[in-house]
């Protein structure tokens, strides 16, 4: 058995921020197999502290770039 971390699955619409319930765009993998999900706002708010303890940070906030200007 190796110490490699399994690849992180993409976030879906069912993944919600653990702080506010908004769609999650960031998954933070913690020691001991725990994980936290954050919206872009809460990721920015806690990024510095999370970077110190995270094993992996899977950031999909780049998907937000096209959403603001999209029209139906």
N, C-alpha and C. Protein backbone atom coordinates (compact mmCIF):
# COMPACT_ATOMS: atom_id res chain seq x y z
N UNK A 1 0.86 -1.18 0.00
CA UNK A 1 0.00 0.00 0.00
C UNK A 1 0.90 1.23 0.00
N UNK A 2 0.61 2.17 -0.88
CA UNK A 2 1.43 3.39 -0.96
C UNK A 2 0.75 4.51 -0.19
N UNK A 3 1.51 5.58 0.03
CA UNK A 3 0.96 6.74 0.74
C UNK A 3 0.33 7.74 -0.20
N UNK A 4 0.11 7.36 -1.46
CA UNK A 4 -0.44 8.28 -2.45
C UNK A 4 -1.90 8.62 -2.12
N UNK A 5 -2.27 9.83 -2.43
CA UNK A 5 -3.64 10.30 -2.22
C UNK A 5 -4.44 10.01 -3.49
N UNK A 6 -5.65 9.48 -3.33
CA UNK A 6 -6.52 9.23 -4.48
C UNK A 6 -6.88 10.56 -5.13
N UNK A 7 -7.03 10.57 -6.46
CA UNK A 7 -7.41 11.81 -7.13
C UNK A 7 -8.74 12.34 -6.60
N UNK A 8 -8.85 13.65 -6.50
CA UNK A 8 -10.06 14.28 -6.01
C UNK A 8 -11.10 14.30 -7.12
N UNK A 9 -12.31 13.89 -6.80
CA UNK A 9 -13.39 13.91 -7.80
C UNK A 9 -13.84 15.35 -8.03
N UNK A 10 -14.32 15.65 -9.22
CA UNK A 10 -14.81 17.01 -9.48
C UNK A 10 -16.00 17.35 -8.58
N UNK A 11 -16.14 18.61 -8.25
CA UNK A 11 -17.27 19.07 -7.46
C UNK A 11 -18.52 19.11 -8.34
N UNK A 12 -19.67 18.84 -7.73
CA UNK A 12 -20.93 18.85 -8.47
C UNK A 12 -21.90 19.82 -7.80
N UNK A 13 -23.08 19.96 -8.37
CA UNK A 13 -24.11 20.83 -7.81
C UNK A 13 -24.59 20.34 -6.44
N UNK A 14 -24.32 19.09 -6.12
CA UNK A 14 -24.72 18.54 -4.82
C UNK A 14 -23.73 18.89 -3.72
N UNK A 15 -22.55 19.38 -4.08
CA UNK A 15 -21.53 19.76 -3.11
C UNK A 15 -21.78 21.20 -2.67
N UNK A 16 -22.03 21.39 -1.38
CA UNK A 16 -22.37 22.70 -0.85
C UNK A 16 -21.36 23.15 0.19
N UNK A 17 -21.21 24.46 0.31
CA UNK A 17 -20.29 25.07 1.27
C UNK A 17 -20.67 24.66 2.69
N UNK A 18 -19.67 24.22 3.45
CA UNK A 18 -19.92 23.83 4.84
C UNK A 18 -20.24 25.02 5.75
N UNK A 19 -19.97 26.23 5.32
CA UNK A 19 -20.24 27.42 6.13
C UNK A 19 -21.62 28.01 5.85
N UNK A 20 -22.03 28.08 4.56
CA UNK A 20 -23.25 28.82 4.24
C UNK A 20 -24.25 28.07 3.35
N UNK A 21 -23.86 26.92 2.81
CA UNK A 21 -24.78 26.16 1.97
C UNK A 21 -24.81 26.56 0.51
N UNK A 22 -23.99 27.53 0.10
CA UNK A 22 -23.90 27.92 -1.31
C UNK A 22 -23.15 26.82 -2.08
N UNK A 23 -23.23 26.83 -3.41
CA UNK A 23 -22.47 25.84 -4.18
C UNK A 23 -20.99 25.90 -3.82
N UNK A 24 -20.38 24.72 -3.64
CA UNK A 24 -18.96 24.63 -3.29
C UNK A 24 -18.11 24.64 -4.55
N UNK A 25 -17.03 25.40 -4.50
CA UNK A 25 -16.06 25.44 -5.59
C UNK A 25 -14.67 25.05 -5.12
N UNK A 26 -14.53 24.76 -3.83
CA UNK A 26 -13.22 24.39 -3.28
C UNK A 26 -13.40 23.23 -2.30
N UNK A 27 -12.57 22.19 -2.48
CA UNK A 27 -12.53 21.06 -1.54
C UNK A 27 -11.17 21.10 -0.87
N UNK A 28 -11.16 21.07 0.46
CA UNK A 28 -9.92 21.06 1.24
C UNK A 28 -9.82 19.69 1.90
N UNK A 29 -8.78 18.93 1.53
CA UNK A 29 -8.56 17.62 2.11
C UNK A 29 -7.64 17.80 3.32
N UNK A 30 -8.08 17.27 4.46
CA UNK A 30 -7.38 17.43 5.72
C UNK A 30 -6.69 16.12 6.13
N UNK A 31 -5.71 16.20 7.01
CA UNK A 31 -5.10 14.97 7.53
C UNK A 31 -6.17 14.09 8.17
N UNK A 32 -6.04 12.78 8.01
CA UNK A 32 -7.01 11.86 8.60
C UNK A 32 -8.22 11.64 7.72
N UNK A 33 -8.15 11.99 6.44
CA UNK A 33 -9.21 11.75 5.45
C UNK A 33 -10.42 12.68 5.56
N UNK A 34 -10.36 13.70 6.40
CA UNK A 34 -11.47 14.65 6.47
C UNK A 34 -11.42 15.61 5.30
N UNK A 35 -12.53 16.24 5.02
CA UNK A 35 -12.57 17.25 3.98
C UNK A 35 -13.57 18.34 4.33
N UNK A 36 -13.30 19.53 3.83
CA UNK A 36 -14.20 20.67 3.97
C UNK A 36 -14.51 21.19 2.59
N UNK A 37 -15.74 21.66 2.40
CA UNK A 37 -16.16 22.26 1.13
C UNK A 37 -16.48 23.73 1.38
N UNK A 38 -16.04 24.59 0.45
CA UNK A 38 -16.26 26.01 0.60
C UNK A 38 -16.72 26.65 -0.70
N UNK A 39 -17.57 27.65 -0.58
CA UNK A 39 -17.89 28.53 -1.71
C UNK A 39 -16.66 29.41 -1.94
N UNK A 40 -16.65 30.18 -3.01
CA UNK A 40 -15.50 31.03 -3.31
C UNK A 40 -15.28 32.06 -2.21
N UNK A 41 -16.34 32.64 -1.69
CA UNK A 41 -16.24 33.66 -0.64
C UNK A 41 -15.56 33.10 0.62
N UNK A 42 -16.05 31.98 1.11
CA UNK A 42 -15.49 31.42 2.34
C UNK A 42 -14.09 30.83 2.11
N UNK A 43 -13.81 30.38 0.90
CA UNK A 43 -12.44 29.96 0.59
C UNK A 43 -11.49 31.15 0.72
N UNK A 44 -11.86 32.28 0.15
CA UNK A 44 -11.00 33.48 0.25
C UNK A 44 -10.83 33.89 1.71
N UNK A 45 -11.90 33.82 2.47
CA UNK A 45 -11.86 34.25 3.87
C UNK A 45 -10.92 33.37 4.71
N UNK A 46 -10.86 32.08 4.42
CA UNK A 46 -10.11 31.14 5.26
C UNK A 46 -8.87 30.56 4.56
N UNK A 47 -8.54 31.02 3.37
CA UNK A 47 -7.48 30.41 2.56
C UNK A 47 -6.14 30.33 3.27
N UNK A 48 -5.75 31.39 3.95
CA UNK A 48 -4.43 31.41 4.59
C UNK A 48 -4.33 30.33 5.68
N UNK A 49 -5.33 30.22 6.51
CA UNK A 49 -5.32 29.22 7.58
C UNK A 49 -5.42 27.80 7.01
N UNK A 50 -6.24 27.62 5.99
CA UNK A 50 -6.41 26.29 5.40
C UNK A 50 -5.13 25.81 4.73
N UNK A 51 -4.41 26.71 4.09
CA UNK A 51 -3.16 26.34 3.41
C UNK A 51 -2.14 25.77 4.38
N UNK A 52 -2.22 26.15 5.64
CA UNK A 52 -1.27 25.67 6.65
C UNK A 52 -1.56 24.25 7.10
N UNK A 53 -2.81 23.79 6.97
CA UNK A 53 -3.17 22.46 7.49
C UNK A 53 -3.61 21.47 6.42
N UNK A 54 -3.90 21.93 5.23
CA UNK A 54 -4.45 21.05 4.18
C UNK A 54 -3.40 20.13 3.59
N UNK A 55 -3.83 18.93 3.25
CA UNK A 55 -3.01 18.00 2.49
C UNK A 55 -3.15 18.35 1.01
N UNK A 56 -4.35 18.73 0.61
CA UNK A 56 -4.65 19.08 -0.78
C UNK A 56 -5.77 20.11 -0.81
N UNK A 57 -5.69 21.04 -1.74
CA UNK A 57 -6.77 21.99 -1.96
C UNK A 57 -7.15 21.89 -3.43
N UNK A 58 -8.39 21.47 -3.67
CA UNK A 58 -8.91 21.30 -5.03
C UNK A 58 -9.79 22.52 -5.31
N UNK A 59 -9.29 23.42 -6.14
CA UNK A 59 -9.94 24.72 -6.37
C UNK A 59 -10.55 24.77 -7.77
N UNK A 60 -11.86 24.90 -7.85
CA UNK A 60 -12.57 25.02 -9.12
C UNK A 60 -13.20 26.40 -9.29
N UNK A 61 -12.70 27.41 -8.57
CA UNK A 61 -13.27 28.76 -8.68
C UNK A 61 -13.08 29.34 -10.07
N UNK A 62 -12.18 28.81 -10.87
CA UNK A 62 -12.02 29.25 -12.25
C UNK A 62 -13.29 29.07 -13.07
N UNK A 63 -14.15 28.15 -12.67
CA UNK A 63 -15.43 27.95 -13.37
C UNK A 63 -16.36 29.15 -13.22
N UNK A 64 -16.10 30.00 -12.23
CA UNK A 64 -16.95 31.17 -11.99
C UNK A 64 -16.70 32.30 -12.98
N UNK A 65 -15.57 32.33 -13.63
CA UNK A 65 -15.17 33.44 -14.51
C UNK A 65 -16.21 33.75 -15.58
N UNK A 66 -16.80 32.75 -16.19
CA UNK A 66 -17.77 32.98 -17.26
C UNK A 66 -19.19 33.20 -16.78
N UNK A 67 -19.47 32.92 -15.53
CA UNK A 67 -20.85 32.98 -15.04
C UNK A 67 -21.40 34.41 -14.90
N UNK A 68 -20.59 35.34 -14.49
CA UNK A 68 -21.08 36.70 -14.22
C UNK A 68 -21.66 37.38 -15.46
N UNK A 69 -21.03 37.19 -16.60
CA UNK A 69 -21.47 37.88 -17.80
C UNK A 69 -22.38 37.08 -18.69
N UNK A 70 -22.71 35.85 -18.31
CA UNK A 70 -23.54 35.00 -19.15
C UNK A 70 -24.98 35.51 -19.19
N UNK A 71 -25.59 35.39 -20.33
CA UNK A 71 -27.01 35.73 -20.43
C UNK A 71 -27.77 34.49 -20.84
N UNK A 72 -29.07 34.43 -20.51
CA UNK A 72 -29.85 33.24 -20.80
C UNK A 72 -30.30 33.15 -22.21
